[in-house]
Amino acid sequence: MFNKIMKRGHKKPSKEAIEAPIPTSSTPNVTVNHASRAPGMPQPPALAAVPQNPGVVEVLPNLRDVPLSDRHSVFIRKVQVCCVFFDFSDTMKSAREKEIKRQNLAELVDLVQSGSCKMNEIMQEELVKMISVNIFRCLPPASHENTGSEGGDPEEDEMFMDPTWPHLQLVYELLLRYVVSSETDTKIAKRYLDHSFVLKLLDLFDSEDMREREYLKTILHRIYGRFMVHRPFIRNAINNIFYRFIFETERYSGIGELLEILGSIINGFALPMKEEHKLFLIRALIPLHKPKCIASYHQQLSYCITQFVEKDYRLADIVIKGVLKYWPVTNCGKEVLFLGELEEILEVTQSAEFQRCMVPLFRQIGRSLNSPHFQCVDERGTLYGVFYPGVTVNVCGARFRTNRRRKGVIGRRDGDVRVWLHGWPPAETDGCAGGAAGFSAAQYLAQLVPYERLFFFQNAQLFLNIVAERALFWWNNEHIVALIAENRHVILPIIYDALEKNIQGHWNQAINGLSSNVRRMFLEMDSELFEECQRNYEEKEAKADELEEQRVSTWKRIEQVAAGGDNMIFV
């Protein structure tokens, strides 16, 4: 008897049961994770219930051709057809069924966008279920998980492209149209686009497909704007993603997109700013300067930081000291980024806040002024050199790319830096971007290392960075110069030694010239202070010379004693 009851419980549902679905109370519990990060996890029940390409997909009539009385049931059947998965690794497999699903998705997008069919609660629930089943999936392993490498350049041709994108794009477009539609009642929609849905949506930002992250960015921003009940939850969830990225993994594909959303959110903060938002700045945004891969999202991060200072000028001191805390020691490319960001922050900084942080700030600027770094680097600090086929090169704002068969080289010829894309060694005729004319950099790049000191490397993006030059460019900013002039009695004694060392001994002529210009500006500001700093510098140098002479004479006496040998005492 028990076996008979169990057999009856496993009977297949009839077609009538599909046409009149029973409403459920929540969206399916679909998890999102990288395949390699959750090995051995069982498939969620909601996904297991969805047929994986059953072989035949029902062809349904267009909704516009269906009587109004049957339109709702046909809509639900179309949504259920769109829950079927297909294997996109083989483009010819199930081509007819894939096209049917694509047409159904496109029709649903048009229907929601036009608002010609008002959806009831059951239709909305089934629609969100279908969207969840399609997008909340197990993400493929990241490139570094497959190869063990540090990850490639996102601008390279080999960047990841999800093969299921022809269907995924339509599903994301359908979700976007549903969220922004004026026909969507937020009171009803928030039952299905709940916290669980938003959290899974945020997990998808780790996708390596840039097209998917762009859709996610737009959708999450619209959800934040329309569903006020979700706003604190979204901010806290983004906080948690940042914490995990900073202190645990240092790998997350969508940090830049999340920062773009936050830039818009910060711009709308009301004044006076809540303590919660200030804590977010201190605990999440400022520590984002720590990871090595900051170059991939620094532009968005700098915008968010500057927005905070523009909203509340009293935060300038906290921000500047926070950036100094994470100042790089050996990564000159990262140091150039920090110098540019601090310049933007100082442009919106007032005098009182500047005075609180100017001493540690210009101590660091003094060290940057004496930086010897002047080289081609990527975000990992790779040295200048020969680059292999298929590499993008960025020199003085101009972008070049080697072809796929021949190497390229960056080096010095006749006093100018040039880029050759015709292989190694370079021919007499320089070639770039197709092989016509050579690219000559500015005069200050004249002393790059000769060819024999070049290093070989592969898969890197190159930049010409000079830390000292970027720091000296601060004196071209009128607002910063005004702040410096107002506090010259404190700042000039800190950086005077660095300026003199550049003028007397820096290897690059451009740095010599820029340092002389800054020195002359201080002389015009306050000649008495300048002369006092000059006397102090000369006294320091004289003492240093005396100490050096004492050191040399001491070693000479030791050498003489050692040469005598007879008077040596062995212990």
Protein backbone atom coordinates (compact mmCIF):
# COMPACT_ATOMS: atom_id res chain seq x y z
CA MET A 1 0.00 0.00 0.00
CA PHE A 2 2.82 2.42 0.88
CA ASN A 3 4.53 1.78 -2.48
CA LYS A 4 1.30 2.55 -4.36
CA ILE A 5 0.91 5.85 -2.53
CA MET A 6 4.54 6.80 -3.35
CA LYS A 7 4.03 5.98 -7.05
CA ARG A 8 0.93 8.18 -7.19
CA GLY A 9 2.92 11.03 -5.64
CA HIS A 10 5.46 10.93 -8.52
CA LYS A 11 2.97 11.22 -11.39
CA LYS A 12 3.87 13.82 -14.04
CA PRO A 13 1.74 16.97 -14.04
CA SER A 14 -0.73 17.35 -16.88
CA LYS A 15 -0.74 20.23 -19.41
CA GLU A 16 -3.75 21.75 -17.69
CA ALA A 17 -1.69 22.09 -14.52
CA ILE A 18 0.90 24.14 -16.45
CA GLU A 19 -1.75 26.49 -17.86
CA ALA A 20 -3.13 27.23 -14.41
CA PRO A 21 -0.07 27.45 -12.13
CA ILE A 22 -0.43 27.59 -8.38
CA PRO A 23 1.05 30.81 -6.96
CA THR A 24 3.93 30.48 -4.53
CA SER A 25 5.00 32.75 -1.74
CA SER A 26 8.65 33.42 -2.62
CA THR A 27 11.24 33.28 -5.38
CA PRO A 28 13.26 30.08 -5.88
CA ASN A 29 16.27 29.63 -3.67
CA VAL A 30 18.99 29.90 -6.32
CA THR A 31 22.59 30.34 -5.20
CA VAL A 32 25.32 32.20 -7.05
CA ASN A 33 28.95 31.25 -6.76
CA HIS A 34 32.04 30.41 -8.74
CA ALA A 35 32.21 26.73 -9.54
CA SER A 36 35.69 26.34 -8.10
CA ARG A 37 34.87 28.21 -4.90
CA ALA A 38 32.08 25.88 -3.82
CA PRO A 39 33.11 22.34 -4.79
CA GLY A 40 30.74 19.54 -4.05
CA MET A 41 27.76 21.76 -3.27
CA PRO A 42 24.41 20.13 -4.17
CA GLN A 43 22.27 21.69 -6.85
CA PRO A 44 19.46 23.81 -5.38
CA PRO A 45 16.00 22.26 -5.62
CA ALA A 46 14.59 25.08 -7.74
CA LEU A 47 17.22 24.55 -10.42
CA ALA A 48 16.87 20.78 -10.34
CA ALA A 49 13.16 21.13 -11.06
CA VAL A 50 13.83 23.05 -14.29
CA PRO A 51 14.20 20.80 -17.35
CA GLN A 52 17.64 20.90 -18.95
CA ASN A 53 16.80 20.92 -22.68
CA PRO A 54 14.00 18.34 -22.74
CA GLY A 55 14.28 18.15 -26.54
CA VAL A 56 11.02 19.84 -27.55
CA VAL A 57 10.05 23.43 -26.72
CA GLU A 58 6.45 24.38 -27.26
CA VAL A 59 5.83 27.00 -29.95
CA LEU A 60 3.28 29.51 -28.65
CA PRO A 61 1.41 32.22 -30.55
CA ASN A 62 2.29 35.89 -30.20
CA LEU A 63 0.58 37.54 -27.27
CA ARG A 64 -0.81 40.28 -29.50
CA ASP A 65 -2.67 37.62 -31.53
CA VAL A 66 -4.20 35.96 -28.47
CA PRO A 67 -7.64 36.99 -27.11
CA LEU A 68 -7.53 39.06 -23.95
CA SER A 69 -9.16 36.25 -21.96
CA ASP A 70 -6.26 33.87 -22.77
CA ARG A 71 -3.43 36.37 -22.71
CA HIS A 72 -2.48 35.81 -19.07
CA SER A 73 -2.26 32.02 -19.39
CA VAL A 74 -0.20 32.27 -22.62
CA PHE A 75 2.09 34.78 -20.93
CA ILE A 76 2.77 32.33 -18.09
CA ARG A 77 3.41 29.48 -20.52
CA LYS A 78 5.90 31.64 -22.41
CA VAL A 79 7.64 32.47 -19.15
CA GLN A 80 7.88 28.76 -18.34
CA VAL A 81 9.33 28.02 -21.77
CA CYS A 82 12.05 30.58 -21.03
CA CYS A 83 13.09 28.59 -17.95
CA VAL A 84 14.60 25.86 -20.13
CA PHE A 85 18.42 25.73 -20.25
CA PHE A 86 20.54 25.02 -23.33
CA ASP A 87 24.15 24.05 -23.99
CA PHE A 88 25.83 26.98 -25.76
CA SER A 89 29.21 25.26 -26.06
CA ASP A 90 27.87 23.73 -29.29
CA THR A 91 26.22 26.42 -31.43
CA MET A 92 24.45 23.88 -33.65
CA LYS A 93 22.93 21.88 -30.81
CA SER A 94 19.21 22.61 -30.22
CA ALA A 95 19.43 25.63 -32.54
CA ARG A 96 15.65 25.64 -33.17
CA GLU A 97 14.80 25.51 -29.45
CA LYS A 98 17.32 28.26 -28.67
CA GLU A 99 15.75 30.49 -31.28
CA ILE A 100 12.25 29.85 -29.88
CA LYS A 101 13.41 30.85 -26.41
CA ARG A 102 15.15 33.94 -27.78
CA GLN A 103 11.98 35.02 -29.62
CA ASN A 104 9.89 34.51 -26.50
CA LEU A 105 12.30 36.57 -24.41
CA ALA A 106 12.32 39.35 -27.01
CA GLU A 107 8.52 39.37 -27.05
CA LEU A 108 8.37 39.58 -23.26
CA VAL A 109 10.81 42.50 -23.31
CA ASP A 110 8.64 44.38 -25.82
CA LEU A 111 5.51 43.58 -23.83
CA VAL A 112 6.90 44.87 -20.53
CA GLN A 113 8.44 47.92 -22.17
CA SER A 114 5.25 48.92 -23.95
CA GLY A 115 2.99 48.23 -20.96
CA SER A 116 0.28 46.86 -23.27
CA CYS A 117 -0.42 43.94 -20.94
CA LYS A 118 -0.90 44.81 -17.30
CA MET A 119 0.56 42.03 -15.18
CA ASN A 120 -1.18 40.72 -12.10
CA GLU A 121 0.64 39.36 -9.06
CA ILE A 122 0.83 35.77 -10.35
CA MET A 123 2.34 36.95 -13.66
CA GLN A 124 4.89 39.11 -11.86
CA GLU A 125 5.83 36.26 -9.55
CA GLU A 126 6.35 33.86 -12.46
CA LEU A 127 8.34 36.49 -14.36
CA VAL A 128 10.74 37.07 -11.45
CA LYS A 129 11.06 33.30 -10.99
CA MET A 130 12.08 32.89 -14.62
CA ILE A 131 14.59 35.75 -14.36
CA SER A 132 16.06 34.24 -11.19
CA VAL A 133 16.42 30.80 -12.76
CA ASN A 134 18.30 32.24 -15.74
CA ILE A 135 20.69 34.73 -14.13
CA PHE A 136 21.34 33.21 -10.70
CA ARG A 137 23.67 30.48 -11.83
CA CYS A 138 27.04 29.04 -10.99
CA LEU A 139 29.63 31.40 -12.49
CA PRO A 140 32.48 29.77 -14.44
CA PRO A 141 35.90 29.69 -12.75
CA ALA A 142 37.87 32.91 -13.04
CA SER A 143 40.86 33.01 -15.39
CA HIS A 144 43.39 33.05 -12.54
CA GLU A 145 41.71 29.97 -11.02
CA ASN A 146 42.26 28.03 -14.25
CA THR A 147 45.80 29.19 -15.03
CA GLY A 148 47.19 30.24 -11.67
CA SER A 149 48.27 33.59 -13.17
CA GLU A 150 47.63 37.07 -11.83
CA GLY A 151 44.95 37.71 -14.44
CA GLY A 152 45.19 39.32 -17.86
CA ASP A 153 44.61 42.79 -19.14
CA PRO A 154 40.85 43.40 -19.38
CA GLU A 155 41.38 45.29 -22.64
CA GLU A 156 42.95 42.27 -24.33
CA ASP A 157 41.02 40.27 -26.93
CA GLU A 158 41.10 37.21 -24.68
CA MET A 159 38.76 38.68 -22.08
CA PHE A 160 35.94 36.38 -21.01
CA MET A 161 32.73 36.37 -23.08
CA ASP A 162 29.88 34.30 -21.67
CA PRO A 163 28.60 31.97 -24.43
CA THR A 164 25.05 32.17 -23.04
CA TRP A 165 24.96 35.95 -23.54
CA PRO A 166 22.41 35.87 -26.43
CA HIS A 167 19.79 34.72 -23.90
CA LEU A 168 21.26 36.36 -20.81
CA GLN A 169 21.19 39.80 -22.40
CA LEU A 170 17.47 39.54 -23.10
CA VAL A 171 16.79 38.32 -19.55
CA TYR A 172 18.72 41.27 -18.10
CA GLU A 173 16.92 43.64 -20.45
CA LEU A 174 13.60 42.17 -19.32
CA LEU A 175 14.53 42.68 -15.65
CA LEU A 176 15.62 46.26 -16.34
CA ARG A 177 12.37 47.08 -18.16
CA TYR A 178 10.36 45.51 -15.36
CA VAL A 179 12.15 47.58 -12.71
CA VAL A 180 11.88 50.93 -14.53
CA SER A 181 8.37 50.42 -15.96
CA SER A 182 5.77 52.90 -14.79
CA GLU A 183 3.27 50.02 -14.76
CA THR A 184 5.28 48.20 -12.07
CA ASP A 185 3.78 48.71 -8.62
CA THR A 186 6.70 48.89 -6.18
CA LYS A 187 4.54 47.68 -3.31
CA ILE A 188 3.89 44.43 -5.17
CA ALA A 189 7.30 44.15 -6.85
CA LYS A 190 9.20 44.43 -3.58
CA ARG A 191 7.66 41.10 -2.49
CA TYR A 192 9.59 39.37 -5.27
CA LEU A 193 12.60 41.72 -5.63
CA ASP A 194 13.35 41.21 -1.95
CA HIS A 195 16.60 41.29 0.02
CA SER A 196 17.48 37.76 -1.04
CA PHE A 197 17.09 38.71 -4.71
CA VAL A 198 19.24 41.83 -4.29
CA LEU A 199 21.96 39.90 -2.47
CA LYS A 200 22.16 37.32 -5.27
CA LEU A 201 22.24 40.17 -7.78
CA LEU A 202 25.24 41.65 -5.98
CA ASP A 203 27.03 38.29 -6.06
CA LEU A 204 26.81 38.34 -9.85
CA PHE A 205 29.08 41.41 -9.98
CA ASP A 206 31.97 38.95 -9.72
CA SER A 207 31.24 37.86 -13.30
CA GLU A 208 34.22 38.31 -15.63
CA ASP A 209 31.94 39.31 -18.52
CA MET A 210 32.06 43.10 -18.68
CA ARG A 211 28.72 43.25 -20.56
CA GLU A 212 26.97 41.46 -17.71
CA ARG A 213 28.46 43.79 -15.11
CA GLU A 214 27.27 46.83 -17.05
CA TYR A 215 23.69 45.52 -17.02
CA LEU A 216 23.96 44.66 -13.32
CA LYS A 217 25.23 48.17 -12.56
CA THR A 218 22.26 49.80 -14.29
CA ILE A 219 19.69 47.43 -12.75
CA LEU A 220 21.01 47.74 -9.19
CA HIS A 221 21.11 51.52 -9.51
CA ARG A 222 17.46 51.55 -10.65
CA ILE A 223 16.44 49.24 -7.80
CA TYR A 224 18.19 51.54 -5.34
CA GLY A 225 16.33 54.53 -6.78
CA ARG A 226 12.84 52.99 -6.87
CA PHE A 227 12.82 50.75 -3.79
CA MET A 228 13.70 52.93 -0.83
CA VAL A 229 13.20 50.02 1.56
CA HIS A 230 16.27 48.32 0.02
CA ARG A 231 18.67 51.27 0.29
CA PRO A 232 20.28 50.55 3.70
CA PHE A 233 20.49 46.85 2.85
CA ILE A 234 22.23 47.54 -0.49
CA ARG A 235 24.76 49.85 1.14
CA ASN A 236 25.54 47.29 3.85
CA ALA A 237 25.85 44.48 1.31
CA ILE A 238 28.30 46.53 -0.77
CA ASN A 239 30.23 47.23 2.45
CA ASN A 240 30.57 43.51 3.06
CA ILE A 241 31.79 42.90 -0.50
CA PHE A 242 34.46 45.58 -0.04
CA TYR A 243 35.56 44.13 3.30
CA ARG A 244 35.94 40.66 1.81
CA PHE A 245 37.83 42.08 -1.17
CA ILE A 246 40.22 44.23 0.91
CA PHE A 247 41.04 41.92 3.79
CA GLU A 248 40.58 38.43 2.32
CA THR A 249 40.62 37.84 -1.42
CA GLU A 250 41.82 41.05 -3.19
CA ARG A 251 39.93 39.63 -6.18
CA TYR A 252 36.53 40.79 -7.31
CA SER A 253 35.63 41.70 -10.88
CA GLY A 254 32.92 44.28 -10.18
CA ILE A 255 34.60 46.70 -7.75
CA GLY A 256 34.69 49.46 -10.36
CA GLU A 257 31.01 49.07 -11.22
CA LEU A 258 29.98 49.08 -7.55
CA LEU A 259 32.01 52.26 -7.00
CA GLU A 260 30.23 53.88 -9.95
CA ILE A 261 26.90 53.17 -8.28
CA LEU A 262 28.21 54.53 -4.98
CA GLY A 263 29.44 57.69 -6.70
CA SER A 264 25.87 58.48 -7.71
CA ILE A 265 24.57 57.52 -4.25
CA ILE A 266 27.12 59.71 -2.46
CA ASN A 267 26.21 62.61 -4.71
CA GLY A 268 22.65 62.41 -3.33
CA PHE A 269 23.55 62.28 0.36
CA ALA A 270 21.69 64.88 2.41
CA LEU A 271 23.50 67.31 4.70
CA PRO A 272 24.48 67.13 7.48
CA MET A 273 25.96 63.78 6.58
CA LYS A 274 24.96 60.79 8.71
CA GLU A 275 27.55 59.11 10.90
CA GLU A 276 26.84 55.87 9.04
CA HIS A 277 28.11 57.41 5.79
CA LYS A 278 31.28 58.75 7.43
CA LEU A 279 32.03 55.31 8.85
CA PHE A 280 31.59 53.85 5.36
CA LEU A 281 34.20 56.30 4.07
CA ILE A 282 36.69 55.47 6.82
CA ARG A 283 36.18 51.70 7.01
CA ALA A 284 35.54 50.78 3.37
CA LEU A 285 36.49 53.45 0.81
CA ILE A 286 39.84 54.59 2.23
CA PRO A 287 41.12 50.99 2.77
CA LEU A 288 40.36 50.32 -0.92
CA HIS A 289 43.71 52.05 -1.55
CA LYS A 290 45.45 48.97 -0.14
CA PRO A 291 44.99 46.25 -2.86
CA LYS A 292 47.62 45.93 -5.56
CA CYS A 293 45.01 45.99 -8.34
CA ILE A 294 43.84 49.52 -7.47
CA ALA A 295 44.60 50.74 -11.00
CA SER A 296 41.55 48.86 -12.31
CA TYR A 297 39.11 50.92 -10.20
CA HIS A 298 41.09 53.96 -9.00
CA GLN A 299 39.22 56.46 -11.19
CA GLN A 300 35.86 55.51 -9.66
CA LEU A 301 37.35 55.37 -6.15
CA SER A 302 38.89 58.82 -6.51
CA TYR A 303 35.53 60.23 -7.62
CA CYS A 304 33.76 58.77 -4.56
CA ILE A 305 36.43 60.11 -2.19
CA THR A 306 36.28 63.59 -3.73
CA GLN A 307 32.47 63.57 -3.50
CA PHE A 308 32.71 63.03 0.26
CA VAL A 309 35.10 65.97 0.68
CA GLU A 310 32.90 68.20 -1.48
CA LYS A 311 29.89 67.28 0.64
CA ASP A 312 31.67 67.88 3.95
CA TYR A 313 34.97 69.82 3.79
CA ARG A 314 35.81 68.75 7.36
CA LEU A 315 36.52 65.23 6.06
CA ALA A 316 39.55 66.40 4.05
CA ASP A 317 41.98 65.86 6.94
CA ILE A 318 40.70 62.31 7.56
CA VAL A 319 40.86 61.42 3.86
CA ILE A 320 44.36 62.78 3.24
CA LYS A 321 45.82 61.05 6.29
CA GLY A 322 44.01 57.86 5.30
CA VAL A 323 45.54 57.92 1.80
CA LEU A 324 49.00 58.56 3.29
CA LYS A 325 48.54 55.49 5.51
CA TYR A 326 48.38 53.25 2.41
CA TRP A 327 51.14 55.06 0.46
CA PRO A 328 53.09 52.59 -1.73
CA VAL A 329 56.79 52.07 -1.11
CA THR A 330 58.04 50.42 -4.31
CA ASN A 331 55.09 50.66 -6.75
CA CYS A 332 55.74 53.91 -8.62
CA GLY A 333 52.69 53.50 -10.86
CA LYS A 334 50.45 53.35 -7.81
CA GLU A 335 52.28 56.37 -6.34
CA VAL A 336 51.49 58.42 -9.42
CA LEU A 337 47.80 57.55 -9.00
CA PHE A 338 47.89 58.65 -5.36
CA LEU A 339 49.53 61.97 -6.26
CA GLY A 340 46.80 62.69 -8.80
CA GLU A 341 44.05 61.79 -6.34
CA LEU A 342 45.51 63.98 -3.59
CA GLU A 343 45.67 66.90 -6.00
CA GLU A 344 41.93 66.53 -6.70
CA ILE A 345 41.20 66.37 -2.97
CA LEU A 346 43.31 69.46 -2.22
CA GLU A 347 41.37 71.43 -4.84
CA VAL A 348 38.27 71.19 -2.59
CA THR A 349 40.16 71.48 0.72
CA GLN A 350 39.92 74.60 2.84
CA SER A 351 42.74 76.22 4.76
CA ALA A 352 41.85 74.98 8.27
CA GLU A 353 41.72 71.31 7.20
CA PHE A 354 44.87 71.73 5.11
CA GLN A 355 46.81 72.95 8.15
CA ARG A 356 45.91 69.81 10.11
CA CYS A 357 47.49 67.46 7.60
CA MET A 358 50.13 69.54 5.78
CA VAL A 359 53.14 68.31 7.80
CA PRO A 360 52.78 64.54 7.09
CA LEU A 361 51.54 65.33 3.59
CA PHE A 362 54.58 67.37 2.52
CA ARG A 363 56.99 65.04 4.23
CA GLN A 364 55.71 62.41 1.81
CA ILE A 365 55.80 64.90 -1.08
CA GLY A 366 59.45 65.60 -0.22
CA ARG A 367 60.22 61.88 -0.54
CA SER A 368 58.33 61.76 -3.84
CA LEU A 369 60.28 64.76 -5.17
CA ASN A 370 63.51 62.77 -4.78
CA SER A 371 62.07 59.60 -6.29
CA PRO A 372 64.40 58.17 -8.98
CA HIS A 373 61.60 56.21 -10.67
CA PHE A 374 61.23 56.92 -14.35
CA GLN A 375 60.28 53.81 -16.22
CA CYS A 376 57.69 51.90 -18.13
CA VAL A 377 55.58 49.91 -15.70
CA ASP A 378 52.34 48.04 -15.60
CA GLU A 379 50.07 47.84 -12.54
CA ARG A 380 52.32 45.12 -11.10
CA GLY A 381 55.45 47.27 -11.40
CA THR A 382 57.06 45.51 -14.41
CA LEU A 383 60.15 47.26 -15.74
CA TYR A 384 60.49 48.86 -19.16
CA GLY A 385 61.48 46.57 -21.94
CA VAL A 386 60.63 44.52 -24.95
CA PHE A 387 57.01 43.48 -25.15
CA TYR A 388 55.61 40.49 -26.92
CA PRO A 389 52.94 40.24 -29.66
CA GLY A 390 49.41 41.34 -28.85
CA VAL A 391 50.34 43.83 -26.11
CA THR A 392 48.81 47.28 -25.69
CA VAL A 393 51.26 50.10 -24.99
CA ASN A 394 50.37 53.46 -23.44
CA VAL A 395 53.07 56.13 -23.89
CA CYS A 396 52.39 59.76 -22.98
CA GLY A 397 48.66 59.28 -23.53
CA ALA A 398 49.10 57.66 -26.97
CA ARG A 399 48.09 54.01 -27.27
CA PHE A 400 49.83 51.46 -29.48
CA ARG A 401 49.40 47.75 -29.98
CA THR A 402 51.76 45.16 -31.41
CA ASN A 403 50.48 42.80 -34.04
CA ARG A 404 50.08 39.12 -33.26
CA ARG A 405 53.24 37.93 -34.99
CA ARG A 406 56.02 40.36 -34.18
CA LYS A 407 57.49 41.80 -31.02
CA GLY A 408 57.83 45.47 -30.13
CA VAL A 409 60.31 47.53 -28.19
CA ILE A 410 60.34 50.79 -26.30
CA GLY A 411 63.70 52.52 -25.97
CA ARG A 412 65.85 55.52 -26.74
CA ARG A 413 67.19 56.72 -30.08
CA ASP A 414 68.79 60.11 -30.79
CA GLY A 415 67.75 61.44 -27.40
CA ASP A 416 64.02 60.71 -27.77
CA VAL A 417 61.89 57.85 -26.52
CA ARG A 418 60.35 55.91 -29.37
CA VAL A 419 58.06 52.94 -29.75
CA TRP A 420 58.86 50.37 -32.41
CA LEU A 421 56.28 47.76 -33.34
CA HIS A 422 58.30 46.07 -36.09
CA GLY A 423 60.21 43.64 -33.95
CA TRP A 424 63.63 43.37 -32.38
CA PRO A 425 66.08 44.86 -33.15
CA PRO A 426 64.28 47.94 -34.53
CA ALA A 427 64.86 48.79 -38.15
CA GLU A 428 66.08 52.16 -39.39
CA THR A 429 62.50 53.15 -40.23
CA ASP A 430 60.40 53.46 -37.09
CA GLY A 431 56.95 51.94 -37.25
CA CYS A 432 53.87 52.25 -35.09
CA ALA A 433 50.17 51.45 -35.43
CA GLY A 434 50.67 50.02 -38.91
CA GLY A 435 54.28 50.72 -39.76
CA ALA A 436 54.43 54.25 -41.13
CA ALA A 437 55.90 57.01 -38.96
CA GLY A 438 57.72 56.77 -35.63
CA PHE A 439 56.43 58.13 -32.34
CA SER A 440 58.70 60.64 -30.62
CA ALA A 441 57.97 61.44 -26.95
CA ALA A 442 58.50 64.76 -25.21
CA GLN A 443 61.96 66.19 -24.48
CA TYR A 444 61.88 65.21 -20.82
CA LEU A 445 61.80 61.51 -21.76
CA ALA A 446 65.23 61.79 -23.35
CA GLN A 447 67.20 59.76 -20.84
CA LEU A 448 65.42 56.44 -20.80
CA VAL A 449 67.76 53.45 -20.51
CA PRO A 450 69.58 52.24 -23.63
CA TYR A 451 68.59 49.10 -25.47
CA GLU A 452 71.11 46.81 -23.81
CA ARG A 453 69.45 47.35 -20.40
CA LEU A 454 65.95 46.42 -21.52
CA PHE A 455 64.14 43.52 -19.88
CA PHE A 456 61.82 41.01 -21.54
CA PHE A 457 58.31 40.38 -20.26
CA GLN A 458 54.94 39.26 -21.56
CA ASN A 459 51.25 40.24 -21.23
CA ALA A 460 51.71 43.67 -19.64
CA GLN A 461 50.35 47.15 -20.22
CA LEU A 462 53.08 49.78 -20.18
CA PHE A 463 53.07 53.32 -18.85
CA LEU A 464 55.77 55.97 -18.68
CA ASN A 465 55.67 57.10 -15.05
CA ILE A 466 57.83 59.63 -13.31
CA VAL A 467 56.90 60.19 -9.68
CA ALA A 468 58.97 63.33 -9.08
CA GLU A 469 57.48 65.06 -12.11
CA ARG A 470 53.91 64.28 -11.00
CA ALA A 471 54.64 65.73 -7.56
CA LEU A 472 56.18 68.90 -9.03
CA PHE A 473 53.09 69.42 -11.17
CA TRP A 474 51.22 70.35 -7.98
CA TRP A 475 52.77 73.79 -8.26
CA ASN A 476 50.81 74.33 -11.50
CA ASN A 477 47.56 74.25 -9.51
CA GLU A 478 46.56 77.75 -8.37
CA HIS A 479 44.50 76.60 -5.38
CA ILE A 480 47.30 74.37 -4.06
CA VAL A 481 49.86 77.13 -4.58
CA ALA A 482 47.64 79.50 -2.57
CA LEU A 483 47.45 76.99 0.30
CA ILE A 484 51.23 76.50 0.18
CA ALA A 485 51.90 80.24 0.13
CA GLU A 486 49.67 80.75 3.16
CA ASN A 487 51.59 78.09 5.09
CA ARG A 488 55.04 78.54 3.54
CA HIS A 489 56.76 78.89 6.93
CA VAL A 490 55.92 75.24 7.63
CA ILE A 491 56.10 73.73 4.14
CA LEU A 492 59.31 75.24 2.72
CA PRO A 493 61.60 73.93 5.50
CA ILE A 494 60.16 70.45 4.91
CA ILE A 495 60.74 70.26 1.14
CA TYR A 496 63.67 72.64 0.64
CA ASP A 497 66.27 69.89 0.98
CA ALA A 498 64.45 67.75 -1.60
CA LEU A 499 64.35 70.65 -4.09
CA GLU A 500 68.08 71.37 -3.68
CA LYS A 501 68.98 67.71 -4.13
CA ASN A 502 66.98 67.60 -7.37
CA ILE A 503 68.65 70.75 -8.70
CA GLN A 504 72.14 69.58 -7.83
CA GLY A 505 72.01 65.91 -8.62
CA HIS A 506 68.82 64.47 -10.19
CA TRP A 507 69.63 62.46 -13.29
CA ASN A 508 66.70 63.84 -15.33
CA GLN A 509 67.00 67.32 -16.81
CA ALA A 510 63.25 67.95 -16.73
CA ILE A 511 63.18 67.37 -12.97
CA ASN A 512 66.07 69.79 -12.59
CA GLY A 513 64.13 72.46 -14.47
CA LEU A 514 60.84 71.94 -12.64
CA SER A 515 62.58 71.94 -9.26
CA SER A 516 64.30 75.22 -10.16
CA ASN A 517 60.93 76.75 -11.04
CA VAL A 518 59.41 75.70 -7.69
CA ARG A 519 62.48 77.01 -5.87
CA ARG A 520 62.12 80.36 -7.63
CA MET A 521 58.42 80.53 -6.65
CA PHE A 522 59.34 80.18 -2.97
CA LEU A 523 62.02 82.84 -3.35
CA GLU A 524 59.43 85.26 -4.74
CA MET A 525 56.96 84.37 -1.96
CA ASP A 526 59.31 85.09 0.95
CA SER A 527 62.97 85.89 0.34
CA GLU A 528 63.87 86.01 4.04
CA LEU A 529 62.40 82.56 4.73
CA PHE A 530 64.11 81.23 1.62
CA GLU A 531 67.51 82.54 2.72
CA GLU A 532 67.03 81.06 6.19
CA CYS A 533 66.22 77.64 4.69
CA GLN A 534 69.23 77.96 2.40
CA ARG A 535 71.55 78.68 5.36
CA ASN A 536 70.14 75.72 7.27
CA TYR A 537 70.66 73.48 4.26
CA GLU A 538 74.26 74.63 3.85
CA GLU A 539 74.93 73.99 7.55
CA LYS A 540 73.47 70.49 7.26
CA GLU A 541 75.61 69.79 4.22
CA ALA A 542 78.73 71.07 6.01
CA LYS A 543 78.03 68.83 9.00
CA ALA A 544 77.41 65.93 6.68
CA ASP A 545 80.76 66.56 4.96
CA GLU A 546 82.51 66.63 8.32
CA LEU A 547 80.91 63.35 9.33
CA GLU A 548 81.92 61.82 6.02
CA GLU A 549 85.52 62.96 6.51
CA GLN A 550 85.55 61.50 10.01
CA ARG A 551 84.19 58.22 8.70
CA VAL A 552 86.84 58.05 5.96
CA SER A 553 89.67 58.90 8.35
CA THR A 554 88.46 56.31 10.86
CA TRP A 555 88.49 53.58 8.23
CA LYS A 556 91.96 54.64 7.10
CA ARG A 557 93.29 54.26 10.64
CA ILE A 558 91.67 50.83 10.88
CA GLU A 559 93.29 49.83 7.57
CA GLN A 560 96.69 51.04 8.78
CA VAL A 561 96.38 49.07 12.00
CA ALA A 562 95.30 46.02 10.06
CA ALA A 563 98.23 46.39 7.64
CA GLY A 564 100.75 46.56 10.54
CA GLY A 565 99.71 43.18 11.88
CA ASP A 566 102.12 43.16 14.83
CA ASN A 567 100.00 45.24 17.15
CA MET A 568 96.76 43.41 16.41
CA ILE A 569 95.03 41.69 19.32
CA PHE A 570 93.19 38.46 18.53
CA VAL A 571 90.26 37.52 20.72
